[in-house]
Amino acid sequence: MLRSRLLFAVLAVFHEPVLAAQALPPLDQYHIRAFGPTSGGMLVSDVRDLKQTRDGYVYIAQARGLMRYDGYSFERVNLPGLNTAFVEMIHEDQRARLWVLTRGDELGYLEQGRFQPVPMQFSGWQSIHETGDGQIWVSGLKGLATVTTERGPSLYVFGAQHGLPAGRTFGVFDASPEQ
């Protein structure tokens, strides 16, 4: 039986009222530790994105590269095949791969300690998304693209010729039923 899936590309910014959040405990109930380039081992203090992966490491996307924190120290993650070190966004997928998107419109993923770059056809990519079925999408100024990795990484780009309005795609919303 085929399941029907809906995939929406967000093509405009909508402003909705922010729902009232529950009050957080006072900050003195948290352990707060500051890190920076002069103390703690980070390359720069400009943090672009931050993710804790299933294995417990914290990955930090920075203007000078990708850092990994193990709870004690920082280690720079080698990303061979990229022309720029400026990491804008990171995402851990359902298969525990860590996806990296750079300011230079380069995309790739870390899997079992090895980095695999994905050939990009256009510039202007700005975000990484994953649907409930594990499909990776990138969106940005040129539209929307999906990444396949089964026979080596490749990118399939959707644009006006596929029915998308011309212009920037802000994101992906997966409206398929939970799997």
Foldseek 3Di string as FASTA:
>chain_A
DDFDWDKDFADDDDDDDDDDDDDDDDPVVDDDDDDACVPQADVGPAFQDWDQFPVGWIWTQAQQAIWIDNPRHIDGQDAPPDPGRRWRDWDQFPLRWIWTAGQQRWIWTADPSDIATEDDDDDFWDDWDAELVGWIKIWGFQGIWTWDCPPHIYIDGDHVVNPDDHTGTDDMDIPGDHD
